[in-house]
């Protein structure tokens, strides 16, 4: 027991010596720092941010011209008009230039929306058909494909007019159907191969052809909307829906060059309702499911 007490007394004395030594060292360090402290003032050199070249004022102030050192005043005098007459003349020239630009812009817009030669040919042919005795009815023509007589359906008006202006839909649709069978589902006809002299008169296949190859335009005519109305040009092809569940009830026709009193284009078409090729006011009454311009003017060479 006595031995244990001696060992504990020695450890306690050693701890006190260590603590005393640390306190003495800390006091010596504080004394050393205090006696050797000097206040140091740091001053930045005046030319620290100076540039070796004159800095253009124009890079600091918007629209302020840069004037090289020693030339202040010269630039100011150069920018002052020599006389009021010269200023007036410059203003007149500017106004005339703006008028010329406006006139050129208007002329460009007129040219941009001018009918193409194909559209003009379509319109002229349609006017001729209105004078002919063509009756509504469906017959098959294995030899010619196109109706040789005066018994037509709505798709015959479209295909015949385009043929007379240089676009043979019988050949074009047959070729497109052969090369792109996936877009012309023949299973709805319960057959595997296209029939040239029949398919181009089929309203569903005809619509598919124009979806793939024509310029597709707005399907709704909005009276008074200039951006919309300019899309409805004479010679455009339109298709109307009468039964959403039966696309074979669709009827096709052309936009006429004439409009009604409200500025709505008339339509030239044939149907059982009219009995013959007629120019009718039906664009706002029927449901438009297709509006195309063919050939696509943006793909013409």
Protein backbone atom coordinates (compact mmCIF):
# COMPACT_ATOMS: atom_id res chain seq x y z
CA UNK A 1 0.00 0.00 0.00
CA UNK A 2 2.84 2.35 0.88
CA UNK A 3 4.50 1.57 -2.42
CA UNK A 4 1.36 2.46 -4.36
CA UNK A 5 1.12 5.84 -2.65
CA UNK A 6 4.73 6.65 -3.57
CA UNK A 7 4.09 5.81 -7.27
CA UNK A 8 0.93 8.03 -7.36
CA UNK A 9 2.83 10.92 -5.71
CA UNK A 10 5.57 10.72 -8.34
CA UNK A 11 3.04 10.80 -11.27
CA UNK A 12 1.24 13.80 -9.77
CA UNK A 13 4.49 15.67 -9.35
CA UNK A 14 5.48 14.90 -12.99
CA UNK A 15 2.18 16.27 -14.30
CA UNK A 16 2.64 19.50 -12.38
CA UNK A 17 6.14 19.96 -13.83
CA UNK A 18 4.83 19.50 -17.41
CA UNK A 19 2.00 22.02 -16.89
CA UNK A 20 4.41 24.54 -15.35
CA UNK A 21 6.84 24.13 -18.26
CA UNK A 22 4.05 24.73 -20.88
CA UNK A 23 2.88 27.88 -19.07
CA UNK A 24 6.45 29.25 -18.91
CA UNK A 25 7.01 28.59 -22.66
CA UNK A 26 3.73 30.32 -23.58
CA UNK A 27 4.64 33.34 -21.46
CA UNK A 28 8.06 33.55 -23.10
CA UNK A 29 6.48 33.38 -26.60
CA UNK A 30 3.98 36.18 -25.81
CA UNK A 31 6.79 38.35 -24.41
CA UNK A 32 8.91 37.73 -27.53
CA UNK A 33 6.10 38.67 -29.93
CA UNK A 34 5.21 41.80 -27.99
CA UNK A 35 8.76 43.10 -27.82
CA UNK A 36 9.43 42.48 -31.56
CA UNK A 37 6.07 43.79 -33.02
CA UNK A 38 6.33 46.61 -35.55
CA UNK A 39 3.44 48.24 -37.44
CA UNK A 40 3.95 47.81 -41.18
CA UNK A 41 2.01 50.05 -43.58
CA UNK A 42 1.54 48.65 -47.08
CA UNK A 43 1.05 51.26 -49.81
CA UNK A 44 -0.01 50.25 -53.33
CA UNK A 45 2.01 51.83 -56.13
CA UNK A 46 0.16 54.58 -58.00
CA UNK A 47 0.79 53.03 -61.43
CA UNK A 48 -0.35 49.55 -60.43
CA UNK A 49 -3.45 49.70 -62.69
CA UNK A 50 -2.04 52.03 -65.30
CA UNK A 51 -2.13 50.92 -68.93
CA UNK A 52 0.79 51.33 -71.25
CA UNK A 53 -1.66 52.44 -74.00
CA UNK A 54 -4.52 54.98 -73.97
CA UNK A 55 -7.77 53.15 -73.24
CA UNK A 56 -10.54 54.00 -75.77
CA UNK A 57 -13.40 55.87 -74.17
CA UNK A 58 -15.80 54.13 -76.59
CA UNK A 59 -15.27 50.89 -74.73
CA UNK A 60 -16.60 52.48 -71.57
CA UNK A 61 -19.41 54.69 -72.87
CA UNK A 62 -21.88 53.37 -75.42
CA UNK A 63 -21.94 55.26 -78.74
CA UNK A 64 -19.15 57.63 -77.66
CA UNK A 65 -16.47 57.98 -80.37
CA UNK A 66 -12.86 57.34 -79.39
CA UNK A 67 -10.62 60.41 -79.74
CA UNK A 68 -6.83 59.81 -79.61
CA UNK A 69 -4.90 61.94 -77.09
CA UNK A 70 -4.12 65.40 -78.47
CA UNK A 71 -6.96 65.38 -81.02
CA UNK A 72 -9.89 66.24 -78.72
CA UNK A 73 -11.97 68.94 -80.51
CA UNK A 74 -11.13 67.88 -84.09
CA UNK A 75 -13.57 64.99 -83.99
CA UNK A 76 -16.27 67.16 -82.44
CA UNK A 77 -16.01 69.74 -85.22
CA UNK A 78 -16.11 67.04 -87.88
CA UNK A 79 -19.41 65.70 -86.49
CA UNK A 80 -21.19 69.09 -86.57
CA UNK A 81 -23.17 69.68 -89.82
CA UNK A 82 -21.74 72.50 -91.97
CA UNK A 83 -25.15 74.14 -92.32
CA UNK A 84 -28.84 73.70 -91.67
CA UNK A 85 -29.46 73.28 -95.40
CA UNK A 86 -27.18 70.24 -95.54
CA UNK A 87 -29.02 68.73 -92.57
CA UNK A 88 -32.39 69.26 -94.23
CA UNK A 89 -31.08 67.74 -97.46
CA UNK A 90 -29.80 64.68 -95.61
CA UNK A 91 -33.17 64.28 -93.87
CA UNK A 92 -34.99 64.47 -97.20
CA UNK A 93 -32.69 61.88 -98.72
CA UNK A 94 -33.27 59.60 -95.72
CA UNK A 95 -37.06 59.95 -96.03
CA UNK A 96 -36.89 59.21 -99.77
CA UNK A 97 -34.71 56.19 -99.06
CA UNK A 98 -37.23 54.88 -96.52
CA UNK A 99 -40.09 55.35 -99.01
CA UNK A 100 -38.13 53.47 -101.66
CA UNK A 101 -37.43 50.65 -99.21
CA UNK A 102 -41.12 50.45 -98.24
CA UNK A 103 -42.15 50.34 -101.89
CA UNK A 104 -39.60 47.63 -102.64
CA UNK A 105 -40.84 45.59 -99.65
CA UNK A 106 -44.45 45.87 -100.79
CA UNK A 107 -43.46 44.88 -104.32
CA UNK A 108 -41.55 41.88 -102.96
CA UNK A 109 -44.62 40.72 -101.00
CA UNK A 110 -46.80 40.98 -104.11
CA UNK A 111 -44.30 38.96 -106.09
CA UNK A 112 -43.99 36.42 -103.28
CA UNK A 113 -47.71 35.64 -103.34
CA UNK A 114 -48.24 35.94 -107.06
CA UNK A 115 -49.83 32.87 -108.63
CA UNK A 116 -47.46 30.45 -110.30
CA UNK A 117 -47.91 29.54 -113.94
CA UNK A 118 -49.29 26.16 -112.89
CA UNK A 119 -51.90 27.81 -110.64
CA UNK A 120 -52.92 30.11 -113.48
CA UNK A 121 -53.29 27.14 -115.83
CA UNK A 122 -55.42 25.31 -113.25
CA UNK A 123 -57.74 28.29 -112.81
CA UNK A 124 -58.20 28.71 -116.59
CA UNK A 125 -58.98 25.00 -117.03
CA UNK A 126 -61.51 25.09 -114.18
CA UNK A 127 -63.33 28.01 -115.81
CA UNK A 128 -63.60 25.95 -118.99
CA UNK A 129 -64.99 22.94 -117.10
CA UNK A 130 -67.72 25.09 -115.56
CA UNK A 131 -69.01 25.67 -119.08
CA UNK A 132 -69.01 21.98 -120.01
CA UNK A 133 -71.87 19.52 -119.45
CA UNK A 134 -70.16 17.19 -116.96
CA UNK A 135 -72.49 15.12 -114.77
CA UNK A 136 -71.84 13.38 -111.45
CA UNK A 137 -71.49 9.60 -111.60
CA UNK A 138 -68.96 6.77 -111.19
CA UNK A 139 -67.83 4.43 -113.92
CA UNK A 140 -64.63 2.40 -114.34
CA UNK A 141 -62.42 3.04 -117.39
CA UNK A 142 -59.85 0.21 -117.70
CA UNK A 143 -58.50 1.52 -120.99
CA UNK A 144 -57.97 5.20 -120.23
CA UNK A 145 -58.23 5.47 -116.45
CA UNK A 146 -59.44 9.04 -116.91
CA UNK A 147 -63.13 9.47 -117.76
CA UNK A 148 -63.43 9.75 -121.55
CA UNK A 149 -66.99 11.09 -121.39
CA UNK A 150 -68.96 13.46 -119.20
CA UNK A 151 -69.54 11.18 -116.17
CA UNK A 152 -67.15 12.23 -113.35
CA UNK A 153 -66.64 12.01 -109.59
CA UNK A 154 -64.92 14.63 -107.43
CA UNK A 155 -61.46 13.09 -107.75
CA UNK A 156 -61.81 13.12 -111.54
CA UNK A 157 -62.02 16.90 -111.49
CA UNK A 158 -58.72 17.05 -109.60
CA UNK A 159 -56.85 14.42 -111.62
CA UNK A 160 -58.11 15.62 -115.01
CA UNK A 161 -57.30 19.29 -114.38
CA UNK A 162 -53.80 18.40 -113.18
CA UNK A 163 -53.27 16.11 -116.19
CA UNK A 164 -54.26 18.96 -118.51
CA UNK A 165 -51.64 21.16 -116.82
CA UNK A 166 -48.86 18.58 -117.13
CA UNK A 167 -49.19 16.29 -114.10
CA UNK A 168 -50.44 12.76 -114.77
CA UNK A 169 -51.79 11.58 -111.41
CA UNK A 170 -52.50 8.09 -112.72
CA UNK A 171 -48.76 7.54 -113.31
CA UNK A 172 -47.56 9.60 -110.36
CA UNK A 173 -49.80 7.94 -107.76
CA UNK A 174 -49.09 4.44 -109.09
CA UNK A 175 -45.34 5.08 -108.89
CA UNK A 176 -45.62 6.51 -105.35
CA UNK A 177 -47.79 3.59 -104.22
CA UNK A 178 -45.28 1.09 -105.59
CA UNK A 179 -42.31 2.76 -103.90
CA UNK A 180 -44.04 3.56 -100.59
CA UNK A 181 -46.51 0.76 -99.92
CA UNK A 182 -46.52 1.47 -96.20
CA UNK A 183 -48.31 4.78 -96.84
CA UNK A 184 -50.97 3.21 -99.05
CA UNK A 185 -52.59 0.35 -97.06
CA UNK A 186 -54.08 -1.89 -99.73
CA UNK A 187 -55.60 -4.21 -97.16
CA UNK A 188 -58.52 -1.80 -96.89
CA UNK A 189 -59.19 -2.75 -100.52
CA UNK A 190 -58.67 -6.45 -99.70
CA UNK A 191 -55.87 -6.80 -102.25
CA UNK A 192 -52.06 -6.83 -102.34
CA UNK A 193 -51.22 -4.92 -105.53
CA UNK A 194 -52.09 -1.46 -106.78
CA UNK A 195 -54.36 -1.06 -109.80
CA UNK A 196 -53.16 1.92 -111.79
CA UNK A 197 -56.39 2.86 -113.56
CA UNK A 198 -58.47 2.72 -110.34
CA UNK A 199 -56.31 3.87 -107.41
CA UNK A 200 -55.58 7.41 -108.60
CA UNK A 201 -59.35 8.09 -108.60
CA UNK A 202 -59.74 6.71 -105.07
CA UNK A 203 -60.24 9.68 -102.72
CA UNK A 204 -58.27 8.05 -99.87
CA UNK A 205 -55.22 7.24 -102.03
CA UNK A 206 -55.39 10.61 -103.72
CA UNK A 207 -55.31 12.37 -100.35
CA UNK A 208 -52.38 10.19 -99.26
CA UNK A 209 -50.44 11.21 -102.37
CA UNK A 210 -50.89 14.92 -101.69
CA UNK A 211 -49.99 14.50 -98.01
CA UNK A 212 -46.70 13.02 -99.15
CA UNK A 213 -45.91 15.21 -102.15
CA UNK A 214 -47.77 18.53 -102.00
CA UNK A 215 -47.43 21.68 -99.90
CA UNK A 216 -49.80 21.17 -96.97
CA UNK A 217 -51.60 24.33 -95.85
CA UNK A 218 -54.00 25.53 -93.14
CA UNK A 219 -57.26 23.58 -92.94
CA UNK A 220 -59.28 26.42 -91.44
CA UNK A 221 -60.18 29.64 -93.24
CA UNK A 222 -60.29 32.57 -90.79
CA UNK A 223 -62.12 35.60 -92.22
CA UNK A 224 -60.20 38.84 -91.73
CA UNK A 225 -56.93 37.12 -90.84
CA UNK A 226 -54.47 38.28 -93.51
CA UNK A 227 -51.80 35.69 -92.62
CA UNK A 228 -54.37 32.91 -92.87
CA UNK A 229 -56.27 34.21 -95.90
CA UNK A 230 -53.13 34.51 -98.03
CA UNK A 231 -52.73 30.74 -97.79
CA UNK A 232 -56.00 30.14 -99.65
CA UNK A 233 -55.03 30.74 -103.25
CA UNK A 234 -56.81 29.88 -106.50
CA UNK A 235 -55.89 26.41 -107.72
CA UNK A 236 -55.36 24.97 -104.22
CA UNK A 237 -56.80 21.49 -103.66
CA UNK A 238 -59.22 20.89 -100.76
CA UNK A 239 -60.91 17.80 -99.33
CA UNK A 240 -64.10 17.85 -97.27
CA UNK A 241 -65.15 15.30 -94.67
CA UNK A 242 -68.75 14.11 -94.37
CA UNK A 243 -68.30 10.94 -92.30
CA UNK A 244 -65.39 10.72 -89.79
CA UNK A 245 -65.64 6.92 -89.82
CA UNK A 246 -65.60 6.58 -93.59
CA UNK A 247 -62.86 8.47 -95.47
CA UNK A 248 -64.36 7.24 -98.74
CA UNK A 249 -67.16 9.74 -98.20
CA UNK A 250 -64.68 12.64 -98.55
CA UNK A 251 -65.07 14.93 -101.54
CA UNK A 252 -62.35 16.96 -103.25
CA UNK A 253 -62.29 20.20 -105.21
CA UNK A 254 -60.33 23.34 -106.06
CA UNK A 255 -60.25 26.82 -104.55
CA UNK A 256 -61.75 29.21 -107.08
CA UNK A 257 -60.37 32.60 -108.11
CA UNK A 258 -63.61 34.20 -106.91
CA UNK A 259 -64.90 34.96 -103.40
CA UNK A 260 -68.23 35.66 -101.76
CA UNK A 261 -69.25 39.04 -100.30
CA UNK A 262 -67.40 38.28 -97.05
CA UNK A 263 -64.14 37.50 -98.84
CA UNK A 264 -64.41 33.71 -98.44
CA UNK A 265 -63.12 31.81 -101.51
CA UNK A 266 -65.59 29.76 -103.51
CA UNK A 267 -64.92 26.10 -104.35
CA UNK A 268 -65.14 24.38 -107.74
CA UNK A 269 -66.17 20.74 -107.39
CA UNK A 270 -68.68 18.08 -108.37
CA UNK A 271 -70.89 15.96 -106.11
CA UNK A 272 -74.17 14.12 -106.05
CA UNK A 273 -75.67 17.13 -104.28
CA UNK A 274 -74.83 19.53 -107.12
CA UNK A 275 -75.16 17.03 -109.97
CA UNK A 276 -72.49 18.70 -112.09
CA UNK A 277 -69.25 20.70 -111.80
CA UNK A 278 -70.23 23.82 -109.86
CA UNK A 279 -68.72 26.86 -108.21
CA UNK A 280 -70.13 26.79 -104.69
CA UNK A 281 -69.90 28.72 -101.42
CA UNK A 282 -69.13 25.80 -99.09
CA UNK A 283 -65.68 26.49 -97.61
CA UNK A 284 -67.11 27.64 -94.27
CA UNK A 285 -69.93 25.08 -94.25
CA UNK A 286 -68.04 21.83 -94.91
CA UNK A 287 -65.30 20.35 -92.71
CA UNK A 288 -61.93 20.70 -94.42
CA UNK A 289 -59.64 17.71 -93.82
CA UNK A 290 -57.03 18.52 -96.46
CA UNK A 291 -55.67 21.68 -98.10
CA UNK A 292 -52.78 21.32 -100.54
CA UNK A 293 -50.90 23.14 -103.28
CA UNK A 294 -49.60 20.92 -106.03
CA UNK A 295 -47.02 20.88 -107.33
CA UNK A 296 -45.22 22.15 -104.25
CA UNK A 297 -43.87 25.57 -105.35
CA UNK A 298 -40.92 25.24 -102.95
CA UNK A 299 -39.76 22.03 -104.60
CA UNK A 300 -40.04 23.25 -108.18
CA UNK A 301 -36.75 23.76 -110.03
